[in-house]
Amino acid sequence: GAAAGLQGFAVDKTFLSSLKGILLE
């Protein structure tokens, strides 16, 4: 389906809310 093409561009919300994700942002 359409989501298969965007699989590599998914946002990992658990990473962004972790300490490493916040430091990266």
mmCIF file of all heavy atoms, coordinates in Angstrom:
data_MODEL
# 
_entry.id   MODEL 
# 
loop_
_atom_site.group_PDB 
_atom_site.id 
_atom_site.type_symbol 
_atom_site.label_atom_id 
_atom_site.label_alt_id 
_atom_site.label_comp_id 
_atom_site.label_asym_id 
_atom_site.label_entity_id 
_atom_site.label_seq_id 
_atom_site.pdbx_PDB_ins_code 
_atom_site.Cartn_x 
_atom_site.Cartn_y 
_atom_site.Cartn_z 
_atom_site.occupancy 
_atom_site.B_iso_or_equiv 
_atom_site.pdbx_formal_charge 
_atom_site.auth_seq_id 
_atom_site.auth_comp_id 
_atom_site.auth_asym_id 
_atom_site.auth_atom_id 
_atom_site.pdbx_PDB_model_num 
ATOM 1   N N   . GLY A 1 1  ? 0.815  -1.208 0.000  1.00 0.00 ? 1  GLY A N   1 
ATOM 2   C CA  . GLY A 1 1  ? 0.000  0.000  0.000  1.00 0.00 ? 1  GLY A CA  1 
ATOM 3   C C   . GLY A 1 1  ? 0.844  1.250  0.000  1.00 0.00 ? 1  GLY A C   1 
ATOM 4   O O   . GLY A 1 1  ? 2.054  1.225  -0.188 1.00 0.00 ? 1  GLY A O   1 
ATOM 5   N N   . ALA A 1 2  ? 0.180  2.375  0.244  1.00 0.00 ? 2  ALA A N   1 
ATOM 6   C CA  . ALA A 1 2  ? 0.841  3.679  0.201  1.00 0.00 ? 2  ALA A CA  1 
ATOM 7   C C   . ALA A 1 2  ? 1.850  3.842  1.337  1.00 0.00 ? 2  ALA A C   1 
ATOM 8   O O   . ALA A 1 2  ? 2.861  4.511  1.183  1.00 0.00 ? 2  ALA A O   1 
ATOM 9   C CB  . ALA A 1 2  ? -0.201 4.787  0.275  1.00 0.00 ? 2  ALA A CB  1 
ATOM 10  N N   . ALA A 1 3  ? 1.585  3.242  2.480  1.00 0.00 ? 3  ALA A N   1 
ATOM 11  C CA  . ALA A 1 3  ? 2.476  3.388  3.627  1.00 0.00 ? 3  ALA A CA  1 
ATOM 12  C C   . ALA A 1 3  ? 3.791  2.645  3.429  1.00 0.00 ? 3  ALA A C   1 
ATOM 13  O O   . ALA A 1 3  ? 4.780  2.963  4.064  1.00 0.00 ? 3  ALA A O   1 
ATOM 14  C CB  . ALA A 1 3  ? 1.793  2.898  4.890  1.00 0.00 ? 3  ALA A CB  1 
ATOM 15  N N   . ALA A 1 4  ? 3.828  1.689  2.523  1.00 0.00 ? 4  ALA A N   1 
ATOM 16  C CA  . ALA A 1 4  ? 5.050  0.916  2.317  1.00 0.00 ? 4  ALA A CA  1 
ATOM 17  C C   . ALA A 1 4  ? 6.168  1.782  1.748  1.00 0.00 ? 4  ALA A C   1 
ATOM 18  O O   . ALA A 1 4  ? 7.332  1.608  2.087  1.00 0.00 ? 4  ALA A O   1 
ATOM 19  C CB  . ALA A 1 4  ? 4.769  -0.260 1.387  1.00 0.00 ? 4  ALA A CB  1 
ATOM 20  N N   . GLY A 1 5  ? 5.841  2.737  0.894  1.00 0.00 ? 5  GLY A N   1 
ATOM 21  C CA  . GLY A 1 5  ? 6.846  3.610  0.318  1.00 0.00 ? 5  GLY A CA  1 
ATOM 22  C C   . GLY A 1 5  ? 7.427  4.581  1.321  1.00 0.00 ? 5  GLY A C   1 
ATOM 23  O O   . GLY A 1 5  ? 8.542  5.053  1.171  1.00 0.00 ? 5  GLY A O   1 
ATOM 24  N N   . LEU A 1 6  ? 6.696  4.903  2.353  1.00 0.00 ? 6  LEU A N   1 
ATOM 25  C CA  . LEU A 1 6  ? 7.134  5.860  3.361  1.00 0.00 ? 6  LEU A CA  1 
ATOM 26  C C   . LEU A 1 6  ? 7.640  5.184  4.630  1.00 0.00 ? 6  LEU A C   1 
ATOM 27  O O   . LEU A 1 6  ? 7.832  5.834  5.642  1.00 0.00 ? 6  LEU A O   1 
ATOM 28  C CB  . LEU A 1 6  ? 5.989  6.811  3.720  1.00 0.00 ? 6  LEU A CB  1 
ATOM 29  C CG  . LEU A 1 6  ? 5.439  7.650  2.574  1.00 0.00 ? 6  LEU A CG  1 
ATOM 30  C CD1 . LEU A 1 6  ? 4.242  8.453  3.046  1.00 0.00 ? 6  LEU A CD1 1 
ATOM 31  C CD2 . LEU A 1 6  ? 6.499  8.556  2.012  1.00 0.00 ? 6  LEU A CD2 1 
ATOM 32  N N   . GLN A 1 7  ? 7.878  3.901  4.568  1.00 0.00 ? 7  GLN A N   1 
ATOM 33  C CA  . GLN A 1 7  ? 8.261  3.152  5.760  1.00 0.00 ? 7  GLN A CA  1 
ATOM 34  C C   . GLN A 1 7  ? 9.563  3.668  6.363  1.00 0.00 ? 7  GLN A C   1 
ATOM 35  O O   . GLN A 1 7  ? 9.705  3.759  7.570  1.00 0.00 ? 7  GLN A O   1 
ATOM 36  C CB  . GLN A 1 7  ? 8.396  1.676  5.418  1.00 0.00 ? 7  GLN A CB  1 
ATOM 37  C CG  . GLN A 1 7  ? 8.680  0.809  6.625  1.00 0.00 ? 7  GLN A CG  1 
ATOM 38  C CD  . GLN A 1 7  ? 8.698  -0.654 6.249  1.00 0.00 ? 7  GLN A CD  1 
ATOM 39  O OE1 . GLN A 1 7  ? 8.537  -0.997 5.087  1.00 0.00 ? 7  GLN A OE1 1 
ATOM 40  N NE2 . GLN A 1 7  ? 8.884  -1.508 7.221  1.00 0.00 ? 7  GLN A NE2 1 
ATOM 41  N N   . GLY A 1 8  ? 10.533 4.063  5.560  1.00 0.00 ? 8  GLY A N   1 
ATOM 42  C CA  . GLY A 1 8  ? 11.800 4.549  6.073  1.00 0.00 ? 8  GLY A CA  1 
ATOM 43  C C   . GLY A 1 8  ? 11.720 5.950  6.642  1.00 0.00 ? 8  GLY A C   1 
ATOM 44  O O   . GLY A 1 8  ? 12.638 6.414  7.292  1.00 0.00 ? 8  GLY A O   1 
ATOM 45  N N   . PHE A 1 9  ? 10.621 6.663  6.406  1.00 0.00 ? 9  PHE A N   1 
ATOM 46  C CA  . PHE A 1 9  ? 10.481 8.039  6.851  1.00 0.00 ? 9  PHE A CA  1 
ATOM 47  C C   . PHE A 1 9  ? 9.534  8.182  8.042  1.00 0.00 ? 9  PHE A C   1 
ATOM 48  O O   . PHE A 1 9  ? 9.086  9.268  8.343  1.00 0.00 ? 9  PHE A O   1 
ATOM 49  C CB  . PHE A 1 9  ? 9.979  8.919  5.701  1.00 0.00 ? 9  PHE A CB  1 
ATOM 50  C CG  . PHE A 1 9  ? 10.955 8.987  4.572  1.00 0.00 ? 9  PHE A CG  1 
ATOM 51  C CD1 . PHE A 1 9  ? 10.776 8.230  3.431  1.00 0.00 ? 9  PHE A CD1 1 
ATOM 52  C CD2 . PHE A 1 9  ? 12.073 9.793  4.661  1.00 0.00 ? 9  PHE A CD2 1 
ATOM 53  C CE1 . PHE A 1 9  ? 11.676 8.289  2.394  1.00 0.00 ? 9  PHE A CE1 1 
ATOM 54  C CE2 . PHE A 1 9  ? 12.986 9.854  3.632  1.00 0.00 ? 9  PHE A CE2 1 
ATOM 55  C CZ  . PHE A 1 9  ? 12.780 9.099  2.492  1.00 0.00 ? 9  PHE A CZ  1 
ATOM 56  N N   . ALA A 1 10 ? 9.234  7.095  8.702  1.00 0.00 ? 10 ALA A N   1 
ATOM 57  C CA  . ALA A 1 10 ? 8.317  7.140  9.837  1.00 0.00 ? 10 ALA A CA  1 
ATOM 58  C C   . ALA A 1 10 ? 8.984  7.841  11.017 1.00 0.00 ? 10 ALA A C   1 
ATOM 59  O O   . ALA A 1 10 ? 10.189 7.746  11.222 1.00 0.00 ? 10 ALA A O   1 
ATOM 60  C CB  . ALA A 1 10 ? 7.902  5.733  10.243 1.00 0.00 ? 10 ALA A CB  1 
ATOM 61  N N   . VAL A 1 11 ? 8.198  8.572  11.785 1.00 0.00 ? 11 VAL A N   1 
ATOM 62  C CA  . VAL A 1 11 ? 8.704  9.274  12.966 1.00 0.00 ? 11 VAL A CA  1 
ATOM 63  C C   . VAL A 1 11 ? 8.561  8.348  14.164 1.00 0.00 ? 11 VAL A C   1 
ATOM 64  O O   . VAL A 1 11 ? 7.489  7.843  14.451 1.00 0.00 ? 11 VAL A O   1 
ATOM 65  C CB  . VAL A 1 11 ? 7.910  10.579 13.196 1.00 0.00 ? 11 VAL A CB  1 
ATOM 66  C CG1 . VAL A 1 11 ? 8.359  11.250 14.473 1.00 0.00 ? 11 VAL A CG1 1 
ATOM 67  C CG2 . VAL A 1 11 ? 8.073  11.504 12.012 1.00 0.00 ? 11 VAL A CG2 1 
ATOM 68  N N   . ASP A 1 12 ? 9.672  8.118  14.830 1.00 0.00 ? 12 ASP A N   1 
ATOM 69  C CA  . ASP A 1 12 ? 9.660  7.281  16.019 1.00 0.00 ? 12 ASP A CA  1 
ATOM 70  C C   . ASP A 1 12 ? 9.400  8.173  17.229 1.00 0.00 ? 12 ASP A C   1 
ATOM 71  O O   . ASP A 1 12 ? 10.311 8.826  17.742 1.00 0.00 ? 12 ASP A O   1 
ATOM 72  C CB  . ASP A 1 12 ? 10.998 6.556  16.154 1.00 0.00 ? 12 ASP A CB  1 
ATOM 73  C CG  . ASP A 1 12 ? 10.984 5.518  17.266 1.00 0.00 ? 12 ASP A CG  1 
ATOM 74  O OD1 . ASP A 1 12 ? 9.919  5.316  17.889 1.00 0.00 ? 12 ASP A OD1 1 
ATOM 75  O OD2 . ASP A 1 12 ? 12.039 4.918  17.507 1.00 0.00 ? 12 ASP A OD2 1 
ATOM 76  N N   . LYS A 1 13 ? 8.151  8.209  17.661 1.00 0.00 ? 13 LYS A N   1 
ATOM 77  C CA  . LYS A 1 13 ? 7.775  9.124  18.749 1.00 0.00 ? 13 LYS A CA  1 
ATOM 78  C C   . LYS A 1 13 ? 8.406  8.730  20.075 1.00 0.00 ? 13 LYS A C   1 
ATOM 79  O O   . LYS A 1 13 ? 8.682  9.591  20.903 1.00 0.00 ? 13 LYS A O   1 
ATOM 80  C CB  . LYS A 1 13 ? 6.258  9.175  18.875 1.00 0.00 ? 13 LYS A CB  1 
ATOM 81  C CG  . LYS A 1 13 ? 5.610  9.812  17.670 1.00 0.00 ? 13 LYS A CG  1 
ATOM 82  C CD  . LYS A 1 13 ? 4.114  9.849  17.791 1.00 0.00 ? 13 LYS A CD  1 
ATOM 83  C CE  . LYS A 1 13 ? 3.526  10.438 16.520 1.00 0.00 ? 13 LYS A CE  1 
ATOM 84  N NZ  . LYS A 1 13 ? 2.084  10.445 16.542 1.00 0.00 ? 13 LYS A NZ  1 
ATOM 85  N N   . THR A 1 14 ? 8.679  7.456  20.256 1.00 0.00 ? 14 THR A N   1 
ATOM 86  C CA  . THR A 1 14 ? 9.319  7.057  21.514 1.00 0.00 ? 14 THR A CA  1 
ATOM 87  C C   . THR A 1 14 ? 10.757 7.543  21.554 1.00 0.00 ? 14 THR A C   1 
ATOM 88  O O   . THR A 1 14 ? 11.254 7.926  22.603 1.00 0.00 ? 14 THR A O   1 
ATOM 89  C CB  . THR A 1 14 ? 9.279  5.535  21.697 1.00 0.00 ? 14 THR A CB  1 
ATOM 90  O OG1 . THR A 1 14 ? 9.891  4.909  20.559 1.00 0.00 ? 14 THR A OG1 1 
ATOM 91  C CG2 . THR A 1 14 ? 7.854  5.047  21.842 1.00 0.00 ? 14 THR A CG2 1 
ATOM 92  N N   . PHE A 1 15 ? 11.441 7.546  20.392 1.00 0.00 ? 15 PHE A N   1 
ATOM 93  C CA  . PHE A 1 15 ? 12.810 8.068  20.357 1.00 0.00 ? 15 PHE A CA  1 
ATOM 94  C C   . PHE A 1 15 ? 12.820 9.564  20.594 1.00 0.00 ? 15 PHE A C   1 
ATOM 95  O O   . PHE A 1 15 ? 13.657 10.083 21.332 1.00 0.00 ? 15 PHE A O   1 
ATOM 96  C CB  . PHE A 1 15 ? 13.486 7.748  19.023 1.00 0.00 ? 15 PHE A CB  1 
ATOM 97  C CG  . PHE A 1 15 ? 14.826 8.409  18.876 1.00 0.00 ? 15 PHE A CG  1 
ATOM 98  C CD1 . PHE A 1 15 ? 15.916 7.943  19.592 1.00 0.00 ? 15 PHE A CD1 1 
ATOM 99  C CD2 . PHE A 1 15 ? 15.004 9.499  18.047 1.00 0.00 ? 15 PHE A CD2 1 
ATOM 100 C CE1 . PHE A 1 15 ? 17.157 8.546  19.470 1.00 0.00 ? 15 PHE A CE1 1 
ATOM 101 C CE2 . PHE A 1 15 ? 16.235 10.105 17.916 1.00 0.00 ? 15 PHE A CE2 1 
ATOM 102 C CZ  . PHE A 1 15 ? 17.316 9.623  18.634 1.00 0.00 ? 15 PHE A CZ  1 
ATOM 103 N N   . LEU A 1 16 ? 11.899 10.289 19.957 1.00 0.00 ? 16 LEU A N   1 
ATOM 104 C CA  . LEU A 1 16 ? 11.882 11.738 20.108 1.00 0.00 ? 16 LEU A CA  1 
ATOM 105 C C   . LEU A 1 16 ? 11.551 12.175 21.523 1.00 0.00 ? 16 LEU A C   1 
ATOM 106 O O   . LEU A 1 16 ? 11.965 13.241 21.960 1.00 0.00 ? 16 LEU A O   1 
ATOM 107 C CB  . LEU A 1 16 ? 10.904 12.361 19.123 1.00 0.00 ? 16 LEU A CB  1 
ATOM 108 C CG  . LEU A 1 16 ? 11.302 12.241 17.653 1.00 0.00 ? 16 LEU A CG  1 
ATOM 109 C CD1 . LEU A 1 16 ? 10.223 12.842 16.770 1.00 0.00 ? 16 LEU A CD1 1 
ATOM 110 C CD2 . LEU A 1 16 ? 12.637 12.893 17.390 1.00 0.00 ? 16 LEU A CD2 1 
ATOM 111 N N   . SER A 1 17 ? 10.811 11.355 22.247 1.00 0.00 ? 17 SER A N   1 
ATOM 112 C CA  . SER A 1 17 ? 10.487 11.716 23.624 1.00 0.00 ? 17 SER A CA  1 
ATOM 113 C C   . SER A 1 17 ? 11.538 11.209 24.620 1.00 0.00 ? 17 SER A C   1 
ATOM 114 O O   . SER A 1 17 ? 11.486 11.556 25.788 1.00 0.00 ? 17 SER A O   1 
ATOM 115 C CB  . SER A 1 17 ? 9.104  11.177 24.000 1.00 0.00 ? 17 SER A CB  1 
ATOM 116 O OG  . SER A 1 17 ? 9.103  9.765  23.916 1.00 0.00 ? 17 SER A OG  1 
ATOM 117 N N   . SER A 1 18 ? 12.501 10.421 24.149 1.00 0.00 ? 18 SER A N   1 
ATOM 118 C CA  . SER A 1 18 ? 13.565 9.953  25.034 1.00 0.00 ? 18 SER A CA  1 
ATOM 119 C C   . SER A 1 18 ? 14.619 11.048 25.201 1.00 0.00 ? 18 SER A C   1 
ATOM 120 O O   . SER A 1 18 ? 14.607 12.062 24.509 1.00 0.00 ? 18 SER A O   1 
ATOM 121 C CB  . SER A 1 18 ? 14.225 8.685  24.456 1.00 0.00 ? 18 SER A CB  1 
ATOM 122 O OG  . SER A 1 18 ? 14.978 9.019  23.309 1.00 0.00 ? 18 SER A OG  1 
ATOM 123 N N   . LEU A 1 19 ? 15.551 10.832 26.099 1.00 0.00 ? 19 LEU A N   1 
ATOM 124 C CA  . LEU A 1 19 ? 16.592 11.816 26.375 1.00 0.00 ? 19 LEU A CA  1 
ATOM 125 C C   . LEU A 1 19 ? 17.463 12.060 25.140 1.00 0.00 ? 19 LEU A C   1 
ATOM 126 O O   . LEU A 1 19 ? 17.773 13.204 24.797 1.00 0.00 ? 19 LEU A O   1 
ATOM 127 C CB  . LEU A 1 19 ? 17.454 11.363 27.548 1.00 0.00 ? 19 LEU A CB  1 
ATOM 128 C CG  . LEU A 1 19 ? 18.574 12.313 27.951 1.00 0.00 ? 19 LEU A CG  1 
ATOM 129 C CD1 . LEU A 1 19 ? 18.000 13.661 28.389 1.00 0.00 ? 19 LEU A CD1 1 
ATOM 130 C CD2 . LEU A 1 19 ? 19.423 11.706 29.041 1.00 0.00 ? 19 LEU A CD2 1 
ATOM 131 N N   . LYS A 1 20 ? 17.833 10.995 24.434 1.00 0.00 ? 20 LYS A N   1 
ATOM 132 C CA  . LYS A 1 20 ? 18.664 11.150 23.239 1.00 0.00 ? 20 LYS A CA  1 
ATOM 133 C C   . LYS A 1 20 ? 17.915 11.920 22.155 1.00 0.00 ? 20 LYS A C   1 
ATOM 134 O O   . LYS A 1 20 ? 18.503 12.732 21.446 1.00 0.00 ? 20 LYS A O   1 
ATOM 135 C CB  . LYS A 1 20 ? 19.084 9.789  22.704 1.00 0.00 ? 20 LYS A CB  1 
ATOM 136 C CG  . LYS A 1 20 ? 20.125 9.111  23.540 1.00 0.00 ? 20 LYS A CG  1 
ATOM 137 C CD  . LYS A 1 20 ? 20.553 7.801  22.906 1.00 0.00 ? 20 LYS A CD  1 
ATOM 138 C CE  . LYS A 1 20 ? 21.583 7.104  23.746 1.00 0.00 ? 20 LYS A CE  1 
ATOM 139 N NZ  . LYS A 1 20 ? 22.012 5.834  23.147 1.00 0.00 ? 20 LYS A NZ  1 
ATOM 140 N N   . GLY A 1 21 ? 16.631 11.656 22.011 1.00 0.00 ? 21 GLY A N   1 
ATOM 141 C CA  . GLY A 1 21 ? 15.838 12.367 21.013 1.00 0.00 ? 21 GLY A CA  1 
ATOM 142 C C   . GLY A 1 21 ? 15.718 13.848 21.321 1.00 0.00 ? 21 GLY A C   1 
ATOM 143 O O   . GLY A 1 21 ? 15.820 14.695 20.433 1.00 0.00 ? 21 GLY A O   1 
ATOM 144 N N   . ILE A 1 22 ? 15.508 14.166 22.579 1.00 0.00 ? 22 ILE A N   1 
ATOM 145 C CA  . ILE A 1 22 ? 15.405 15.571 22.990 1.00 0.00 ? 22 ILE A CA  1 
ATOM 146 C C   . ILE A 1 22 ? 16.734 16.279 22.779 1.00 0.00 ? 22 ILE A C   1 
ATOM 147 O O   . ILE A 1 22 ? 16.778 17.418 22.301 1.00 0.00 ? 22 ILE A O   1 
ATOM 148 C CB  . ILE A 1 22 ? 14.939 15.663 24.456 1.00 0.00 ? 22 ILE A CB  1 
ATOM 149 C CG1 . ILE A 1 22 ? 13.497 15.164 24.570 1.00 0.00 ? 22 ILE A CG1 1 
ATOM 150 C CG2 . ILE A 1 22 ? 15.059 17.082 24.979 1.00 0.00 ? 22 ILE A CG2 1 
ATOM 151 C CD1 . ILE A 1 22 ? 13.020 14.972 25.990 1.00 0.00 ? 22 ILE A CD1 1 
ATOM 152 N N   . LEU A 1 23 ? 17.839 15.607 23.093 1.00 0.00 ? 23 LEU A N   1 
ATOM 153 C CA  . LEU A 1 23 ? 19.161 16.202 22.861 1.00 0.00 ? 23 LEU A CA  1 
ATOM 154 C C   . LEU A 1 23 ? 19.420 16.413 21.370 1.00 0.00 ? 23 LEU A C   1 
ATOM 155 O O   . LEU A 1 23 ? 19.987 17.433 20.971 1.00 0.00 ? 23 LEU A O   1 
ATOM 156 C CB  . LEU A 1 23 ? 20.246 15.321 23.465 1.00 0.00 ? 23 LEU A CB  1 
ATOM 157 C CG  . LEU A 1 23 ? 20.304 15.302 24.983 1.00 0.00 ? 23 LEU A CG  1 
ATOM 158 C CD1 . LEU A 1 23 ? 21.332 14.277 25.454 1.00 0.00 ? 23 LEU A CD1 1 
ATOM 159 C CD2 . LEU A 1 23 ? 20.628 16.665 25.530 1.00 0.00 ? 23 LEU A CD2 1 
ATOM 160 N N   . LEU A 1 24 ? 18.985 15.479 20.539 1.00 0.00 ? 24 LEU A N   1 
ATOM 161 C CA  . LEU A 1 24 ? 19.157 15.626 19.100 1.00 0.00 ? 24 LEU A CA  1 
ATOM 162 C C   . LEU A 1 24 ? 18.350 16.807 18.576 1.00 0.00 ? 24 LEU A C   1 
ATOM 163 O O   . LEU A 1 24 ? 18.852 17.606 17.779 1.00 0.00 ? 24 LEU A O   1 
ATOM 164 C CB  . LEU A 1 24 ? 18.736 14.349 18.384 1.00 0.00 ? 24 LEU A CB  1 
ATOM 165 C CG  . LEU A 1 24 ? 18.792 14.389 16.858 1.00 0.00 ? 24 LEU A CG  1 
ATOM 166 C CD1 . LEU A 1 24 ? 20.235 14.518 16.398 1.00 0.00 ? 24 LEU A CD1 1 
ATOM 167 C CD2 . LEU A 1 24 ? 18.160 13.156 16.265 1.00 0.00 ? 24 LEU A CD2 1 
ATOM 168 N N   . GLU A 1 25 ? 17.112 16.939 19.013 1.00 0.00 ? 25 GLU A N   1 
ATOM 169 C CA  . GLU A 1 25 ? 16.279 18.066 18.593 1.00 0.00 ? 25 GLU A CA  1 
ATOM 170 C C   . GLU A 1 25 ? 16.905 19.390 19.028 1.00 0.00 ? 25 GLU A C   1 
ATOM 171 O O   . GLU A 1 25 ? 16.945 20.353 18.262 1.00 0.00 ? 25 GLU A O   1 
ATOM 172 C CB  . GLU A 1 25 ? 14.884 17.939 19.192 1.00 0.00 ? 25 GLU A CB  1 
ATOM 173 C CG  . GLU A 1 25 ? 14.091 16.764 18.664 1.00 0.00 ? 25 GLU A CG  1 
ATOM 174 C CD  . GLU A 1 25 ? 12.830 16.521 19.467 1.00 0.00 ? 25 GLU A CD  1 
ATOM 175 O OE1 . GLU A 1 25 ? 12.390 17.434 20.184 1.00 0.00 ? 25 GLU A OE1 1 
ATOM 176 O OE2 . GLU A 1 25 ? 12.291 15.414 19.378 1.00 0.00 ? 25 GLU A OE2 1 
# 
